[in-house]
C-alpha atoms as a PDB file:
ATOM      1  CA  MET A   1       2.772  -6.623 -24.008  1.00  0.00           C
ATOM      2  CA  LEU A   2       4.994  -4.704 -21.368  1.00  0.00           C
ATOM      3  CA  HIS A   3       3.667  -1.321 -22.922  1.00  0.00           C
ATOM      4  CA  ALA A   4      -0.131  -2.317 -22.277  1.00  0.00           C
ATOM      5  CA  ILE A   5       0.797  -3.202 -18.574  1.00  0.00           C
ATOM      6  CA  TRP A   6       2.534   0.105 -17.964  1.00  0.00           C
ATOM      7  CA  GLY A   7      -0.516   1.888 -19.816  1.00  0.00           C
ATOM      8  CA  ARG A   8      -3.033  -0.282 -17.385  1.00  0.00           C
ATOM      9  CA  LEU A   9      -1.252   0.640 -14.614  1.00  0.00           C
ATOM     10  CA  LYS A  10      -0.805   4.557 -15.149  1.00  0.00           C
ATOM     11  CA  SER A  11      -4.342   4.638 -15.817  1.00  0.00           C
ATOM     12  CA  ALA A  12      -5.141   2.955 -12.834  1.00  0.00           C
ATOM     13  CA  CYS A  13      -3.116   5.430 -11.048  1.00  0.00           C
ATOM     14  CA  ALA A  14      -4.939   8.393 -12.713  1.00  0.00           C
ATOM     15  CA  ARG A  15      -1.122   9.384 -13.967  1.00  0.00           C
ATOM     16  CA  SER A  16      -0.245  10.037 -10.633  1.00  0.00           C
ATOM     17  CA  LEU A  17       2.940   9.246  -9.203  1.00  0.00           C
ATOM     18  CA  THR A  18       1.291  10.217  -5.810  1.00  0.00           C
ATOM     19  CA  ILE A  19      -1.354   7.766  -5.864  1.00  0.00           C
ATOM     20  CA  ALA A  20       0.980   4.815  -7.289  1.00  0.00           C
ATOM     21  CA  TRP A  21       2.750   5.600  -4.255  1.00  0.00           C
ATOM     22  CA  SER A  22      -0.230   5.265  -2.120  1.00  0.00           C
ATOM     23  CA  TYR A  23      -1.197   2.213  -3.811  1.00  0.00           C
ATOM     24  CA  LEU A  24       2.297   0.746  -2.957  1.00  0.00           C
ATOM     25  CA  LEU A  25       2.035   1.937   1.300  1.00  0.00           C
ATOM     26  CA  ALA A  26      -1.967  -0.143   0.991  1.00  0.00           C
ATOM     27  CA  THR A  27      -0.333  -3.114  -0.266  1.00  0.00           C
ATOM     28  CA  PHE A  28       2.416  -2.773   2.381  1.00  0.00           C
ATOM     29  CA  GLY A  29      -0.261  -2.070   5.142  1.00  0.00           C
ATOM     30  CA  VAL A  30      -2.511  -5.144   4.163  1.00  0.00           C
ATOM     31  CA  ALA A  31       0.758  -7.309   4.478  1.00  0.00           C
ATOM     32  CA  MET A  32       1.274  -6.034   7.784  1.00  0.00           C
ATOM     33  CA  GLN A  33      -1.580  -6.534   8.914  1.00  0.00           C
ATOM     34  CA  TYR A  34      -1.864  -9.656   7.848  1.00  0.00           C
ATOM     35  CA  ILE A  35       1.356 -10.735   9.086  1.00  0.00           C
ATOM     36  CA  ASP A  36       0.639 -13.963  11.278  1.00  0.00           C
ATOM     37  CA  ASN A  37      -1.145 -15.365   7.734  1.00  0.00           C
ATOM     38  CA  LEU A  38       1.864 -14.706   6.028  1.00  0.00           C
ATOM     39  CA  ALA A  39       4.081 -16.309   8.555  1.00  0.00           C
ATOM     40  CA  ALA A  40       1.823 -19.458   8.352  1.00  0.00           C
ATOM     41  CA  LEU A  41       2.370 -19.170   4.809  1.00  0.00           C
ATOM     42  CA  PHE A  42       5.755 -18.879   5.005  1.00  0.00           C
ATOM     43  CA  GLY A  43       5.808 -21.986   7.769  1.00  0.00           C
ATOM     44  CA  ASP A  44       8.002 -19.692   9.790  1.00  0.00           C
ATOM     45  CA  ALA A  45       6.191 -19.591  13.369  1.00  0.00           C
ATOM     46  CA  SER A  46       8.685 -16.799  14.186  1.00  0.00           C
ATOM     47  CA  PHE A  47       8.846 -14.469  11.410  1.00  0.00           C
ATOM     48  CA  ALA A  48       6.169 -11.902  13.003  1.00  0.00           C
ATOM     49  CA  GLN A  49       8.333 -11.220  15.512  1.00  0.00           C
ATOM     50  CA  GLN A  50      11.585 -11.149  13.662  1.00  0.00           C
ATOM     51  CA  VAL A  51       9.772  -8.393  11.314  1.00  0.00           C
ATOM     52  CA  GLN A  52       8.628  -6.863  14.553  1.00  0.00           C
ATOM     53  CA  ASN A  53      12.507  -6.557  15.831  1.00  0.00           C
ATOM     54  CA  ILE A  54      13.665  -5.600  12.191  1.00  0.00           C
ATOM     55  CA  ILE A  55      10.826  -2.517  12.338  1.00  0.00           C
ATOM     56  CA  GLY A  56      10.883  -1.896  15.842  1.00  0.00           C
ATOM     57  CA  THR A  57       7.254  -1.856  16.463  1.00  0.00           C
ATOM     58  CA  ASP A  58       4.017  -4.025  16.156  1.00  0.00           C
ATOM     59  CA  PRO A  59       3.654  -5.009  12.720  1.00  0.00           C
ATOM     60  CA  LYS A  60      -0.095  -4.520  12.774  1.00  0.00           C
ATOM     61  CA  VAL A  61      -0.197  -1.082  14.208  1.00  0.00           C
ATOM     62  CA  LEU A  62       2.096  -0.348  11.447  1.00  0.00           C
ATOM     63  CA  GLY A  63      -0.336  -2.010   8.940  1.00  0.00           C
ATOM     64  CA  ARG A  64      -2.923   0.078   9.709  1.00  0.00           C
ATOM     65  CA  TYR A  65      -1.459   3.397   9.943  1.00  0.00           C
ATOM     66  CA  LEU A  66       0.332   2.756   6.391  1.00  0.00           C
ATOM     67  CA  SER A  67      -3.179   1.362   5.336  1.00  0.00           C
ATOM     68  CA  LEU A  68      -5.025   4.878   6.720  1.00  0.00           C
ATOM     69  CA  THR A  69      -2.123   6.871   5.486  1.00  0.00           C
ATOM     70  CA  ALA A  70      -2.719   5.565   2.069  1.00  0.00           C
ATOM     71  CA  VAL A  71      -6.608   5.867   1.707  1.00  0.00           C
ATOM     72  CA  ILE A  72      -5.883   9.784   3.066  1.00  0.00           C
ATOM     73  CA  THR A  73      -3.569  10.355   0.573  1.00  0.00           C
ATOM     74  CA  ILE A  74      -5.671   8.365  -2.182  1.00  0.00           C
ATOM     75  CA  VAL A  75      -8.555  10.131  -1.725  1.00  0.00           C
ATOM     76  CA  SER A  76      -7.184  13.695  -1.505  1.00  0.00           C
ATOM     77  CA  ARG A  77      -5.476  13.170  -4.749  1.00  0.00           C
ATOM     78  CA  LEU A  78      -7.934  12.208  -6.484  1.00  0.00           C
ATOM     79  CA  ARG A  79      -9.797  15.096  -5.280  1.00  0.00           C
ATOM     80  CA  GLY A  80      -7.660  17.384  -6.961  1.00  0.00           C
ATOM     81  CA  VAL A  81      -7.212  15.217  -9.967  1.00  0.00           C
ATOM     82  CA  ILE A  82     -11.100  15.249 -10.390  1.00  0.00           C
ATOM     83  CA  ALA A  83     -10.918  19.164  -9.842  1.00  0.00           C
ATOM     84  CA  ALA A  84      -8.724  19.563 -12.573  1.00  0.00           C
ATOM     85  CA  ARG A  85     -10.198  17.924 -15.057  1.00  0.00           C
ATOM     86  CA  LYS A  86     -13.274  20.036 -13.973  1.00  0.00           C
ATOM     87  CA  SER A  87     -11.743  23.346 -14.973  1.00  0.00           C
END
């Protein structure tokens, strides 16, 4: 079962660690963009402020930056993967 899950993850990332890393960045980026909703989910009104104190910047801005970085990285890496398969 674990082997099958690992195979699905590898195929979803096109066997590229760069794409896997970008998916992780995108996940954290989305989480940071919805930090207020996560705070409500955890029942801690000061959660967003605690995160802001830890990272030193606005979590929503960081989330947008992480998401944008992930999209650019995925697109550029997929271009390389597609070009390598064509040749």
